[in-house]
N, C-alpha and C. Protein backbone atom coordinates (compact mmCIF):
# COMPACT_ATOMS: atom_id res chain seq x y z
N MET A 1 0.85 -1.17 0.03
CA MET A 1 0.04 0.02 -0.04
C MET A 1 0.84 1.28 -0.02
N SER A 2 0.39 2.25 -0.66
CA SER A 2 1.01 3.64 -0.61
C SER A 2 -0.02 4.59 -0.22
N PHE A 3 0.52 5.63 0.45
CA PHE A 3 -0.36 6.64 1.00
C PHE A 3 -0.01 7.99 0.48
N SER A 4 -1.02 8.82 0.47
CA SER A 4 -0.82 10.26 -0.03
C SER A 4 -1.44 11.20 1.00
N ARG A 5 -0.73 12.27 1.13
CA ARG A 5 -1.27 13.30 2.01
C ARG A 5 -1.39 14.62 1.23
N ALA A 6 -2.48 15.24 1.37
CA ALA A 6 -2.76 16.49 0.60
C ALA A 6 -3.22 17.51 1.48
N CYS A 7 -2.76 18.79 1.35
CA CYS A 7 -3.09 19.85 2.24
C CYS A 7 -3.81 20.98 1.40
N LYS A 8 -4.31 21.83 2.12
CA LYS A 8 -4.95 23.06 1.47
C LYS A 8 -3.96 23.94 0.67
N VAL A 9 -2.69 23.82 1.00
CA VAL A 9 -1.71 24.66 0.40
C VAL A 9 -1.14 23.84 -0.87
N SER A 10 -1.90 22.85 -1.33
CA SER A 10 -1.57 22.11 -2.57
C SER A 10 -0.21 21.38 -2.37
N PHE A 11 -0.06 20.84 -1.26
CA PHE A 11 1.19 20.01 -0.95
C PHE A 11 0.81 18.53 -0.90
N LEU A 12 1.60 17.77 -1.70
CA LEU A 12 1.37 16.34 -1.83
C LEU A 12 2.64 15.56 -1.39
N LYS A 13 2.53 14.61 -0.49
CA LYS A 13 3.59 13.74 -0.16
C LYS A 13 3.21 12.30 -0.35
N LEU A 14 4.12 11.51 -1.03
CA LEU A 14 3.80 10.05 -1.24
C LEU A 14 4.64 9.22 -0.36
N LEU A 15 3.99 8.24 0.33
CA LEU A 15 4.65 7.40 1.25
C LEU A 15 4.51 5.89 0.73
N ASN A 16 5.67 5.22 0.72
CA ASN A 16 5.62 3.87 0.30
C ASN A 16 5.45 2.92 1.63
N CYS A 17 4.33 2.37 1.80
CA CYS A 17 4.07 1.53 3.03
C CYS A 17 3.94 0.03 2.62
N SER A 18 4.53 -0.32 1.54
CA SER A 18 4.41 -1.77 1.09
C SER A 18 5.32 -2.66 1.92
N ASP A 19 5.13 -3.95 1.76
CA ASP A 19 5.92 -4.96 2.41
C ASP A 19 5.67 -5.11 3.92
N GLY A 20 6.04 -4.08 4.66
CA GLY A 20 5.90 -4.22 6.07
C GLY A 20 6.77 -5.36 6.57
N TYR A 21 6.10 -6.33 7.24
CA TYR A 21 6.83 -7.52 7.72
C TYR A 21 6.72 -8.66 6.77
N GLY A 22 6.42 -8.36 5.53
CA GLY A 22 6.30 -9.37 4.54
C GLY A 22 4.93 -9.98 4.39
N VAL A 23 4.00 -9.57 5.25
CA VAL A 23 2.60 -10.05 5.16
C VAL A 23 1.76 -8.84 5.22
N ALA A 24 1.12 -8.60 4.10
CA ALA A 24 0.14 -7.36 4.11
C ALA A 24 -1.06 -7.79 3.26
N SER A 25 -1.71 -8.92 3.51
CA SER A 25 -2.86 -9.31 2.76
C SER A 25 -4.02 -8.45 3.15
N PHE A 26 -5.15 -8.50 2.42
CA PHE A 26 -6.36 -7.78 2.88
C PHE A 26 -6.72 -8.12 4.30
N GLN A 27 -6.49 -9.43 4.64
CA GLN A 27 -6.86 -9.88 6.03
C GLN A 27 -5.99 -9.22 6.98
N SER A 28 -4.77 -9.00 6.75
CA SER A 28 -3.72 -8.33 7.59
C SER A 28 -4.21 -6.89 7.77
N ILE A 29 -4.50 -6.23 6.67
CA ILE A 29 -4.97 -4.82 6.75
C ILE A 29 -6.25 -4.68 7.51
N ALA A 30 -7.19 -5.73 7.39
CA ALA A 30 -8.46 -5.59 8.14
C ALA A 30 -8.29 -5.78 9.64
N ASN A 31 -7.19 -6.36 10.07
CA ASN A 31 -6.96 -6.57 11.51
C ASN A 31 -6.23 -5.41 12.09
N PRO A 32 -6.92 -4.56 12.94
CA PRO A 32 -6.31 -3.38 13.47
C PRO A 32 -5.01 -3.70 14.39
N ALA A 33 -4.92 -4.91 14.76
CA ALA A 33 -3.82 -5.30 15.70
C ALA A 33 -2.65 -5.97 14.90
N ASP A 34 -2.82 -6.11 13.65
CA ASP A 34 -1.81 -6.82 12.83
C ASP A 34 -0.49 -6.11 12.83
N SER A 35 0.67 -6.83 12.84
CA SER A 35 2.00 -6.26 12.92
C SER A 35 2.23 -5.33 11.69
N TYR A 36 1.52 -5.59 10.55
CA TYR A 36 1.67 -4.66 9.34
C TYR A 36 1.51 -3.23 9.71
N TRP A 37 0.53 -2.95 10.60
CA TRP A 37 0.14 -1.65 10.98
C TRP A 37 1.30 -0.98 11.73
N ASP A 38 2.09 -1.72 12.44
CA ASP A 38 3.24 -1.16 13.13
C ASP A 38 4.29 -0.53 12.05
N HIS A 39 4.40 -1.33 11.00
CA HIS A 39 5.26 -0.80 9.90
C HIS A 39 4.73 0.40 9.31
N VAL A 40 3.36 0.45 8.98
CA VAL A 40 2.73 1.59 8.42
C VAL A 40 2.99 2.81 9.16
N PHE A 41 2.75 2.77 10.54
CA PHE A 41 2.88 3.93 11.36
C PHE A 41 4.33 4.34 11.56
N ASN A 42 5.23 3.39 11.44
CA ASN A 42 6.65 3.73 11.55
C ASN A 42 7.08 4.57 10.27
N VAL A 43 6.53 4.13 9.10
CA VAL A 43 6.84 4.93 7.92
C VAL A 43 6.20 6.29 8.02
N ILE A 44 4.99 6.44 8.45
CA ILE A 44 4.36 7.68 8.59
C ILE A 44 5.10 8.65 9.58
N ALA A 45 5.46 8.08 10.73
CA ALA A 45 6.23 8.91 11.71
C ALA A 45 7.61 9.36 11.20
N SER A 46 8.29 8.43 10.45
CA SER A 46 9.63 8.71 9.98
C SER A 46 9.58 9.78 8.95
N SER A 47 8.37 9.98 8.31
CA SER A 47 8.36 10.99 7.22
C SER A 47 7.85 12.27 7.77
N ARG A 48 7.71 12.35 9.11
CA ARG A 48 7.16 13.56 9.72
C ARG A 48 5.78 13.92 9.29
N THR A 49 5.01 12.88 9.11
CA THR A 49 3.64 13.00 8.69
C THR A 49 2.72 12.39 9.82
N PHE A 50 1.45 12.90 9.89
CA PHE A 50 0.58 12.34 10.89
C PHE A 50 -0.56 11.59 10.24
N PRO A 51 -1.14 10.54 10.92
CA PRO A 51 -2.21 9.80 10.42
C PRO A 51 -3.40 10.63 9.93
N ALA A 52 -3.70 11.75 10.64
CA ALA A 52 -4.80 12.53 10.21
C ALA A 52 -4.54 13.27 8.85
N GLN A 53 -3.36 13.24 8.28
CA GLN A 53 -3.10 13.85 7.03
C GLN A 53 -3.29 12.85 5.91
N VAL A 54 -3.37 11.60 6.13
CA VAL A 54 -3.59 10.71 5.05
C VAL A 54 -4.96 10.76 4.44
N GLN A 55 -5.08 11.00 3.23
CA GLN A 55 -6.41 11.19 2.46
C GLN A 55 -6.61 10.24 1.30
N VAL A 56 -5.51 9.71 0.71
CA VAL A 56 -5.61 8.87 -0.43
C VAL A 56 -4.65 7.71 -0.30
N ILE A 57 -5.17 6.52 -0.67
CA ILE A 57 -4.40 5.23 -0.61
C ILE A 57 -4.56 4.62 -1.93
N TYR A 58 -3.44 3.98 -2.43
CA TYR A 58 -3.56 3.08 -3.56
C TYR A 58 -2.95 1.69 -3.07
N VAL A 59 -3.67 0.69 -3.42
CA VAL A 59 -3.38 -0.62 -2.87
C VAL A 59 -3.32 -1.69 -3.95
N GLU A 60 -2.35 -2.54 -3.83
CA GLU A 60 -2.19 -3.63 -4.70
C GLU A 60 -1.72 -4.86 -3.87
N THR A 61 -2.63 -5.80 -3.50
CA THR A 61 -2.27 -6.89 -2.58
C THR A 61 -3.30 -8.00 -2.85
N GLU A 62 -3.15 -9.11 -2.07
CA GLU A 62 -4.00 -10.25 -2.29
C GLU A 62 -4.57 -10.65 -0.95
N ASP A 63 -5.38 -11.65 -0.90
CA ASP A 63 -5.91 -12.24 0.30
C ASP A 63 -5.24 -13.56 0.62
N SER A 64 -5.47 -14.09 1.70
CA SER A 64 -4.83 -15.41 2.04
C SER A 64 -5.86 -16.55 2.02
N ILE A 65 -6.85 -16.30 1.40
CA ILE A 65 -8.00 -17.33 1.32
C ILE A 65 -7.56 -18.51 0.34
N GLN A 66 -7.65 -19.71 0.87
CA GLN A 66 -7.25 -20.85 0.17
C GLN A 66 -8.37 -21.43 -0.66
N VAL A 67 -9.11 -20.66 -1.38
CA VAL A 67 -10.22 -21.05 -2.25
C VAL A 67 -10.00 -20.58 -3.71
N VAL A 68 -10.24 -21.41 -4.64
CA VAL A 68 -9.89 -20.98 -5.99
C VAL A 68 -11.19 -20.85 -6.95
N SER A 69 -12.25 -21.44 -6.55
CA SER A 69 -13.45 -21.48 -7.42
C SER A 69 -14.09 -20.09 -7.59
N PHE A 70 -14.88 -20.01 -8.68
CA PHE A 70 -15.57 -18.76 -8.92
C PHE A 70 -17.12 -19.00 -8.93
N PRO A 71 -17.88 -18.23 -8.23
CA PRO A 71 -17.53 -16.82 -7.75
C PRO A 71 -17.18 -16.92 -6.18
N GLU A 72 -17.00 -18.14 -5.67
CA GLU A 72 -16.76 -18.25 -4.19
C GLU A 72 -15.55 -17.41 -3.82
N ARG A 73 -14.43 -17.54 -4.54
CA ARG A 73 -13.24 -16.80 -4.06
C ARG A 73 -13.40 -15.26 -4.12
N PRO A 74 -13.86 -14.74 -5.32
CA PRO A 74 -14.00 -13.29 -5.21
C PRO A 74 -15.04 -12.72 -4.25
N ASN A 75 -16.10 -13.57 -4.01
CA ASN A 75 -17.09 -13.16 -3.02
C ASN A 75 -16.47 -13.10 -1.61
N LEU A 76 -15.51 -14.05 -1.31
CA LEU A 76 -14.90 -14.06 0.01
C LEU A 76 -13.92 -12.95 0.13
N VAL A 77 -13.11 -12.73 -0.90
CA VAL A 77 -12.14 -11.69 -0.89
C VAL A 77 -12.80 -10.35 -0.81
N LYS A 78 -13.95 -10.17 -1.46
CA LYS A 78 -14.64 -8.91 -1.40
C LYS A 78 -15.00 -8.53 0.04
N LYS A 79 -15.40 -9.49 0.86
CA LYS A 79 -15.72 -9.25 2.28
C LYS A 79 -14.46 -8.73 3.02
N ASP A 80 -13.25 -9.33 2.67
CA ASP A 80 -12.10 -8.85 3.34
C ASP A 80 -11.67 -7.58 2.81
N ILE A 81 -11.91 -7.23 1.54
CA ILE A 81 -11.56 -5.81 1.06
C ILE A 81 -12.39 -4.83 1.84
N GLU A 82 -13.66 -5.13 1.95
CA GLU A 82 -14.53 -4.13 2.65
C GLU A 82 -14.14 -4.01 4.11
N ALA A 83 -13.77 -5.13 4.72
CA ALA A 83 -13.31 -4.99 6.13
C ALA A 83 -12.03 -4.23 6.24
N ALA A 84 -11.10 -4.49 5.35
CA ALA A 84 -9.86 -3.66 5.28
C ALA A 84 -10.02 -2.20 5.12
N MET A 85 -11.03 -1.88 4.31
CA MET A 85 -11.35 -0.43 4.08
C MET A 85 -11.91 0.24 5.42
N ARG A 86 -12.74 -0.55 6.09
CA ARG A 86 -13.26 -0.04 7.33
C ARG A 86 -12.18 0.20 8.37
N THR A 87 -11.23 -0.73 8.46
CA THR A 87 -10.05 -0.56 9.29
C THR A 87 -9.24 0.76 8.84
N CYS A 88 -8.94 0.85 7.57
CA CYS A 88 -8.26 2.02 7.07
C CYS A 88 -8.98 3.29 7.43
N LYS A 89 -10.22 3.34 7.40
CA LYS A 89 -10.95 4.51 7.89
C LYS A 89 -10.82 4.77 9.38
N LEU A 90 -10.73 3.67 10.16
CA LEU A 90 -10.55 3.85 11.56
C LEU A 90 -9.07 4.40 11.85
N LYS A 91 -8.15 3.95 11.12
CA LYS A 91 -6.82 4.40 11.32
C LYS A 91 -6.57 5.85 10.81
N PHE A 92 -7.24 6.17 9.77
CA PHE A 92 -7.05 7.49 9.10
C PHE A 92 -8.35 8.20 8.95
N ARG A 93 -8.73 8.99 9.98
CA ARG A 93 -10.11 9.51 10.04
C ARG A 93 -10.40 10.45 8.80
N ASN A 94 -9.43 10.97 8.18
CA ASN A 94 -9.62 11.86 7.02
C ASN A 94 -9.36 11.17 5.68
N LEU A 95 -9.30 9.83 5.70
CA LEU A 95 -9.11 9.11 4.51
C LEU A 95 -10.35 9.28 3.60
N LYS A 96 -10.11 9.69 2.34
CA LYS A 96 -11.33 9.95 1.40
C LYS A 96 -11.38 8.94 0.28
N LEU A 97 -10.22 8.47 -0.24
CA LEU A 97 -10.29 7.71 -1.49
C LEU A 97 -9.21 6.53 -1.50
N VAL A 98 -9.61 5.44 -1.99
CA VAL A 98 -8.70 4.34 -2.19
C VAL A 98 -8.73 3.82 -3.68
N TYR A 99 -7.61 3.81 -4.25
CA TYR A 99 -7.55 3.25 -5.67
C TYR A 99 -7.00 1.85 -5.57
N PHE A 100 -7.72 1.02 -6.28
CA PHE A 100 -7.28 -0.47 -6.44
C PHE A 100 -6.57 -0.77 -7.77
N LEU A 101 -5.48 -1.44 -7.75
CA LEU A 101 -4.71 -1.67 -8.98
C LEU A 101 -4.88 -3.15 -9.42
N GLY A 102 -5.54 -3.92 -8.65
CA GLY A 102 -5.69 -5.42 -9.01
C GLY A 102 -4.20 -6.00 -8.74
N ARG A 103 -3.94 -7.04 -9.43
CA ARG A 103 -2.69 -7.78 -9.40
C ARG A 103 -2.27 -8.17 -10.77
N THR A 104 -0.90 -8.23 -11.02
CA THR A 104 -0.42 -8.66 -12.23
C THR A 104 -0.64 -10.16 -12.44
N THR A 105 -0.56 -10.63 -13.65
CA THR A 105 -0.63 -12.06 -13.98
C THR A 105 0.59 -12.80 -13.37
N THR A 106 0.42 -13.99 -12.83
CA THR A 106 1.53 -14.71 -12.33
C THR A 106 1.83 -15.90 -13.22
N PHE A 107 3.05 -16.39 -13.13
CA PHE A 107 3.61 -17.48 -14.01
C PHE A 107 4.29 -18.49 -13.14
N PRO A 108 4.02 -19.83 -13.26
CA PRO A 108 4.70 -20.88 -12.60
C PRO A 108 6.21 -20.82 -13.03
N ASP A 109 7.10 -20.85 -12.12
CA ASP A 109 8.56 -20.76 -12.34
C ASP A 109 9.23 -21.93 -11.68
N SER A 110 9.87 -22.86 -12.54
CA SER A 110 10.44 -24.03 -12.02
C SER A 110 11.63 -23.77 -11.03
N THR A 111 12.23 -22.56 -11.21
CA THR A 111 13.38 -22.32 -10.35
C THR A 111 12.97 -21.62 -9.09
N HIS A 112 11.75 -21.02 -9.11
CA HIS A 112 11.13 -20.37 -7.90
C HIS A 112 9.69 -20.87 -7.83
N PRO A 113 9.45 -22.11 -7.41
CA PRO A 113 8.12 -22.58 -7.32
C PRO A 113 7.19 -21.81 -6.60
N ILE A 114 5.98 -21.61 -7.16
CA ILE A 114 4.87 -20.86 -6.50
C ILE A 114 4.16 -21.91 -5.60
N THR A 115 4.27 -21.72 -4.29
CA THR A 115 3.78 -22.64 -3.37
C THR A 115 2.46 -22.30 -2.72
N GLN A 116 2.07 -21.05 -2.78
CA GLN A 116 0.83 -20.57 -2.14
C GLN A 116 -0.26 -20.47 -3.20
N VAL A 117 -1.45 -21.11 -2.75
CA VAL A 117 -2.44 -21.06 -3.72
C VAL A 117 -2.91 -19.69 -4.16
N THR A 118 -2.76 -18.75 -3.29
CA THR A 118 -3.23 -17.32 -3.60
C THR A 118 -2.39 -16.67 -4.64
N ASN A 119 -1.21 -17.29 -5.01
CA ASN A 119 -0.39 -16.69 -6.12
C ASN A 119 -0.48 -17.25 -7.43
N ILE A 120 -1.36 -18.37 -7.54
CA ILE A 120 -1.37 -19.00 -8.73
C ILE A 120 -2.75 -18.62 -9.54
N GLU A 121 -2.58 -18.41 -10.77
CA GLU A 121 -3.75 -18.09 -11.61
C GLU A 121 -4.74 -19.20 -11.47
N PRO A 122 -6.05 -18.89 -11.42
CA PRO A 122 -6.66 -17.60 -11.73
C PRO A 122 -6.85 -16.68 -10.54
N CYS A 123 -6.21 -16.96 -9.37
CA CYS A 123 -6.44 -16.20 -8.26
C CYS A 123 -6.19 -14.60 -8.45
N PRO A 124 -5.01 -14.32 -9.04
CA PRO A 124 -4.78 -12.89 -9.34
C PRO A 124 -5.92 -12.28 -10.20
N TYR A 125 -6.42 -13.06 -11.21
CA TYR A 125 -7.56 -12.61 -12.02
C TYR A 125 -8.85 -12.44 -11.15
N TYR A 126 -9.04 -13.34 -10.23
CA TYR A 126 -10.24 -13.11 -9.45
C TYR A 126 -10.14 -12.00 -8.54
N ASN A 127 -8.90 -11.60 -8.25
CA ASN A 127 -8.68 -10.41 -7.35
C ASN A 127 -9.48 -9.20 -7.85
N GLY A 128 -9.40 -9.05 -9.30
CA GLY A 128 -10.09 -7.98 -9.90
C GLY A 128 -11.58 -8.14 -9.72
N TRP A 129 -12.10 -9.34 -9.83
CA TRP A 129 -13.54 -9.52 -9.67
C TRP A 129 -14.00 -9.10 -8.24
N ALA A 130 -13.10 -9.46 -7.26
CA ALA A 130 -13.45 -9.20 -5.87
C ALA A 130 -13.52 -7.63 -5.69
N THR A 131 -12.59 -7.01 -6.30
CA THR A 131 -12.60 -5.46 -6.27
C THR A 131 -13.88 -4.99 -6.87
N LYS A 132 -14.19 -5.48 -8.04
CA LYS A 132 -15.39 -5.01 -8.75
C LYS A 132 -16.62 -5.25 -7.85
N PHE A 133 -16.74 -6.44 -7.20
CA PHE A 133 -17.83 -6.66 -6.33
C PHE A 133 -17.96 -5.74 -5.13
N ALA A 134 -16.71 -5.43 -4.60
CA ALA A 134 -16.72 -4.51 -3.40
C ALA A 134 -17.33 -3.09 -3.86
N ILE A 135 -16.74 -2.65 -5.03
CA ILE A 135 -17.12 -1.34 -5.54
C ILE A 135 -18.65 -1.28 -5.83
N GLU A 136 -19.15 -2.40 -6.37
CA GLU A 136 -20.58 -2.47 -6.55
C GLU A 136 -21.38 -2.39 -5.24
N ASP A 137 -20.85 -3.14 -4.20
CA ASP A 137 -21.52 -3.05 -2.90
C ASP A 137 -21.64 -1.58 -2.51
N GLN A 138 -20.58 -0.87 -2.64
CA GLN A 138 -20.57 0.57 -2.22
C GLN A 138 -21.54 1.42 -2.96
N ILE A 139 -21.55 1.11 -4.31
CA ILE A 139 -22.57 1.87 -5.14
C ILE A 139 -23.96 1.58 -4.72
N ASN A 140 -24.25 0.32 -4.42
CA ASN A 140 -25.50 -0.15 -4.00
C ASN A 140 -25.93 0.20 -2.59
N GLY A 141 -25.05 0.85 -1.78
CA GLY A 141 -25.33 1.18 -0.41
C GLY A 141 -25.38 0.07 0.55
N VAL A 142 -24.56 -1.06 0.30
CA VAL A 142 -24.59 -2.17 1.19
C VAL A 142 -23.99 -1.72 2.55
N PRO A 143 -24.65 -2.12 3.69
CA PRO A 143 -24.16 -1.73 5.02
C PRO A 143 -22.70 -2.02 5.25
N GLY A 144 -21.95 -1.08 5.81
CA GLY A 144 -20.53 -1.33 6.10
C GLY A 144 -19.62 -0.80 4.91
N THR A 145 -20.23 -0.09 3.99
CA THR A 145 -19.41 0.42 2.88
C THR A 145 -19.65 1.98 2.68
N ARG A 146 -20.50 2.60 3.56
CA ARG A 146 -20.85 4.02 3.46
C ARG A 146 -19.49 4.94 3.44
N TYR A 147 -19.45 5.81 2.47
CA TYR A 147 -18.31 6.73 2.42
C TYR A 147 -18.66 8.15 2.47
N LYS A 148 -19.91 8.39 2.47
CA LYS A 148 -20.37 9.82 2.57
C LYS A 148 -20.78 10.29 3.98
N GLY A 149 -20.52 11.62 4.24
CA GLY A 149 -21.05 12.16 5.44
C GLY A 149 -20.32 11.80 6.73
N ASP A 150 -20.86 12.35 7.85
CA ASP A 150 -20.26 12.12 9.13
C ASP A 150 -20.30 10.67 9.58
N SER A 151 -21.26 9.83 9.02
CA SER A 151 -21.39 8.48 9.40
C SER A 151 -20.61 7.60 8.48
N ALA A 152 -19.66 8.12 7.68
CA ALA A 152 -18.93 7.23 6.78
C ALA A 152 -18.09 6.25 7.59
N VAL A 153 -18.07 5.00 7.13
CA VAL A 153 -17.29 3.93 7.72
C VAL A 153 -16.20 3.42 6.90
N ALA A 154 -16.08 3.95 5.61
CA ALA A 154 -15.02 3.54 4.60
C ALA A 154 -14.79 4.67 3.72
N PRO A 155 -13.65 4.58 3.08
CA PRO A 155 -13.31 5.62 2.01
C PRO A 155 -14.10 5.21 0.79
N LEU A 156 -14.12 6.13 -0.23
CA LEU A 156 -14.62 5.75 -1.58
C LEU A 156 -13.71 4.83 -2.21
N MET A 157 -14.17 3.67 -2.62
CA MET A 157 -13.47 2.72 -3.40
C MET A 157 -13.53 2.82 -4.91
N THR A 158 -12.46 2.87 -5.67
CA THR A 158 -12.55 3.01 -7.02
C THR A 158 -11.31 2.31 -7.70
N TRP A 159 -11.38 2.30 -9.02
CA TRP A 159 -10.32 1.65 -9.75
C TRP A 159 -9.17 2.60 -9.96
N GLY A 160 -7.94 2.22 -9.81
CA GLY A 160 -6.85 2.99 -10.33
C GLY A 160 -6.45 2.39 -11.72
N TRP A 161 -5.16 2.33 -12.06
CA TRP A 161 -4.78 1.68 -13.32
C TRP A 161 -4.71 0.15 -13.03
N TYR A 162 -5.49 -0.62 -13.80
CA TYR A 162 -5.60 -2.01 -13.66
C TYR A 162 -4.38 -2.79 -14.18
N GLU A 163 -3.73 -3.68 -13.40
CA GLU A 163 -2.47 -4.28 -13.65
C GLU A 163 -2.55 -5.61 -14.37
N TRP A 164 -3.68 -6.25 -14.32
CA TRP A 164 -3.72 -7.66 -14.86
C TRP A 164 -3.86 -7.61 -16.39
N ALA A 165 -3.07 -8.55 -16.99
CA ALA A 165 -3.11 -8.78 -18.39
C ALA A 165 -2.81 -10.22 -18.67
N ASN A 166 -3.49 -10.81 -19.59
CA ASN A 166 -3.33 -12.27 -19.92
C ASN A 166 -2.09 -12.48 -20.75
N GLY A 167 -0.98 -12.13 -20.29
CA GLY A 167 0.29 -12.37 -21.05
C GLY A 167 0.21 -11.68 -22.41
N THR A 168 0.59 -12.40 -23.50
CA THR A 168 0.49 -11.89 -24.90
C THR A 168 -0.61 -12.58 -25.59
N ASP A 169 -1.28 -13.53 -24.93
CA ASP A 169 -2.29 -14.27 -25.64
C ASP A 169 -3.49 -13.37 -26.09
N VAL A 170 -3.97 -12.57 -25.20
CA VAL A 170 -5.06 -11.76 -25.40
C VAL A 170 -4.72 -10.28 -25.12
N PRO A 171 -4.11 -9.58 -26.11
CA PRO A 171 -3.67 -8.22 -25.86
C PRO A 171 -4.81 -7.35 -25.41
N ARG A 172 -4.45 -6.47 -24.48
CA ARG A 172 -5.39 -5.47 -24.01
C ARG A 172 -5.59 -4.33 -25.03
N GLN A 173 -6.71 -3.67 -24.98
CA GLN A 173 -7.01 -2.50 -25.98
C GLN A 173 -5.96 -1.46 -25.81
N ASP A 174 -5.47 -1.26 -24.56
CA ASP A 174 -4.48 -0.18 -24.38
C ASP A 174 -3.01 -0.63 -24.71
N GLY A 175 -2.89 -1.84 -25.19
CA GLY A 175 -1.54 -2.40 -25.66
C GLY A 175 -0.76 -2.95 -24.59
N PHE A 176 -1.23 -2.92 -23.36
CA PHE A 176 -0.40 -3.47 -22.14
C PHE A 176 -0.32 -4.95 -22.23
N VAL A 177 0.86 -5.46 -21.99
CA VAL A 177 1.21 -6.91 -21.85
C VAL A 177 2.05 -7.08 -20.66
N TRP A 178 1.85 -8.21 -20.01
CA TRP A 178 2.68 -8.64 -18.84
C TRP A 178 3.18 -9.99 -19.03
N GLN A 179 4.46 -10.16 -19.07
CA GLN A 179 5.14 -11.47 -19.44
C GLN A 179 6.01 -11.99 -18.30
N GLU A 180 6.26 -13.21 -18.38
CA GLU A 180 7.14 -13.85 -17.36
C GLU A 180 8.51 -13.11 -17.29
N SER A 181 9.04 -12.62 -18.34
CA SER A 181 10.26 -11.89 -18.33
C SER A 181 10.24 -10.60 -17.55
N ASP A 182 8.96 -10.11 -17.25
CA ASP A 182 8.77 -8.93 -16.47
C ASP A 182 8.86 -9.24 -14.94
N THR A 183 9.12 -10.49 -14.59
CA THR A 183 9.06 -10.89 -13.17
C THR A 183 10.42 -11.52 -12.83
N LYS A 184 10.73 -11.64 -11.56
CA LYS A 184 11.98 -12.29 -11.05
C LYS A 184 11.66 -13.77 -10.72
N ASP A 185 10.45 -14.03 -10.36
CA ASP A 185 10.19 -15.35 -9.86
C ASP A 185 8.77 -15.86 -10.32
N GLY A 186 8.21 -15.19 -11.37
CA GLY A 186 6.87 -15.58 -11.70
C GLY A 186 5.86 -14.70 -11.07
N ILE A 187 6.17 -14.04 -10.03
CA ILE A 187 5.29 -13.16 -9.16
C ILE A 187 5.77 -11.72 -9.12
N HIS A 188 7.01 -11.57 -8.52
CA HIS A 188 7.46 -10.24 -8.24
C HIS A 188 8.14 -9.58 -9.45
N ALA A 189 7.83 -8.34 -9.55
CA ALA A 189 8.37 -7.65 -10.81
C ALA A 189 9.89 -7.44 -10.72
N THR A 190 10.51 -7.48 -11.86
CA THR A 190 11.88 -7.04 -12.00
C THR A 190 11.97 -5.56 -11.87
N THR A 191 13.13 -4.91 -11.83
CA THR A 191 13.30 -3.50 -11.77
C THR A 191 12.56 -2.88 -12.94
N ALA A 192 12.81 -3.44 -14.13
CA ALA A 192 12.12 -2.91 -15.34
C ALA A 192 10.68 -3.00 -15.28
N GLY A 193 10.25 -4.20 -14.72
CA GLY A 193 8.78 -4.40 -14.56
C GLY A 193 8.12 -3.42 -13.69
N GLU A 194 8.89 -3.05 -12.55
CA GLU A 194 8.42 -2.06 -11.54
C GLU A 194 8.26 -0.73 -12.27
N ASP A 195 9.31 -0.39 -13.10
CA ASP A 195 9.21 0.85 -13.87
C ASP A 195 7.96 0.89 -14.79
N THR A 196 7.76 -0.22 -15.42
CA THR A 196 6.57 -0.25 -16.34
C THR A 196 5.30 -0.03 -15.60
N LEU A 197 5.08 -0.64 -14.45
CA LEU A 197 3.86 -0.60 -13.64
C LEU A 197 3.76 0.83 -13.07
N SER A 198 4.84 1.36 -12.56
CA SER A 198 4.72 2.65 -11.89
C SER A 198 4.47 3.79 -12.92
N SER A 199 5.11 3.67 -14.07
CA SER A 199 4.78 4.68 -15.13
C SER A 199 3.42 4.64 -15.65
N ARG A 200 2.89 3.50 -15.76
CA ARG A 200 1.42 3.35 -16.19
C ARG A 200 0.50 3.94 -15.18
N PHE A 201 0.79 3.72 -13.87
CA PHE A 201 -0.08 4.24 -12.84
C PHE A 201 0.11 5.77 -12.75
N LYS A 202 1.29 6.23 -12.92
CA LYS A 202 1.46 7.65 -12.90
C LYS A 202 0.77 8.34 -14.10
N ASN A 203 0.74 7.71 -15.26
CA ASN A 203 0.04 8.26 -16.41
C ASN A 203 -1.52 8.27 -16.07
N PHE A 204 -1.93 7.28 -15.47
CA PHE A 204 -3.37 7.23 -15.03
C PHE A 204 -3.69 8.40 -14.12
N LEU A 205 -2.83 8.68 -13.14
CA LEU A 205 -3.10 9.85 -12.16
C LEU A 205 -3.03 11.15 -12.95
N LEU A 206 -2.24 11.26 -14.01
CA LEU A 206 -2.06 12.51 -14.64
C LEU A 206 -3.22 12.76 -15.74
N THR A 207 -3.86 11.71 -16.15
CA THR A 207 -4.88 11.79 -17.16
C THR A 207 -6.33 11.54 -16.61
N ASP A 208 -6.53 10.82 -15.56
CA ASP A 208 -7.83 10.67 -15.05
C ASP A 208 -8.41 11.99 -14.55
N LYS A 209 -9.64 12.32 -14.99
CA LYS A 209 -10.17 13.61 -14.70
C LYS A 209 -10.43 13.91 -13.19
N PHE A 210 -10.58 12.86 -12.42
CA PHE A 210 -10.71 13.13 -10.98
C PHE A 210 -9.39 13.11 -10.28
N ALA A 211 -8.48 12.08 -10.59
CA ALA A 211 -7.21 12.04 -9.97
C ALA A 211 -6.42 13.29 -10.29
N SER A 212 -6.49 13.87 -11.52
CA SER A 212 -5.71 14.99 -11.82
C SER A 212 -6.04 16.27 -11.01
N ILE A 213 -7.25 16.24 -10.27
CA ILE A 213 -7.51 17.39 -9.42
C ILE A 213 -6.64 17.47 -8.30
N TRP A 214 -6.17 16.40 -7.71
CA TRP A 214 -5.36 16.44 -6.60
C TRP A 214 -3.91 16.06 -6.87
N TYR A 215 -3.72 15.33 -7.97
CA TYR A 215 -2.29 14.91 -8.22
C TYR A 215 -1.57 15.72 -9.20
N LYS A 216 -2.15 16.21 -10.18
CA LYS A 216 -1.58 16.99 -11.24
C LYS A 216 -1.42 18.41 -10.88
N LYS A 217 -0.12 18.92 -10.98
CA LYS A 217 0.03 20.35 -10.69
C LYS A 217 -0.56 21.17 -11.76
N LYS A 218 -1.42 22.10 -11.51
CA LYS A 218 -2.06 22.96 -12.43
C LYS A 218 -1.08 24.04 -12.90
N SER A 219 -0.98 24.25 -14.17
CA SER A 219 -0.09 25.33 -14.69
C SER A 219 -0.77 26.69 -14.45
N LYS A 220 0.04 27.72 -14.22
CA LYS A 220 -0.54 29.08 -13.99
C LYS A 220 -0.85 29.81 -15.25
């Protein structure tokens, strides 16, 4: 997860709160007492920032559910996403918006075997469906997802730039492809792969009509 703080003086600070203790699933985020939160608040404190200043989060993670079937898995992950968002709202009272990036395609690697069910396709693909279901719940006013007014219990959930692509078999309309050569072990991006993903998301923030309001510096 990464966090953004925005102030009335048009000041923006980006904080990288990923990894933590190596475990930062949606279930970890949903648990207020999880050790991952110690990492998050250490990052915030070391940057001379306060929790009340966090207003925007973008997140790319998975759940630890050992279920692969559809729609059972995305429906279960959806519940953890919504619980995680409620915890984020408790931790950051001024949190307004969370962007979801989904997950990249994963590839079995004989030299770095993928041992966890949650890392094997189609689980990363189902991650996107879980996010879609969670956003739909919020649109439909499902209890536990309210983001408006003084009684808000969650931030507004929306899509950021979507990272999943089916290799080169089914090219996306925007031309994005994600291949095994973009990864170190079938899962984690290489340095070049990280640059590809970050540049795509940065372009999204610069061109999205809503994100550009708070992210893009307006010319005088």
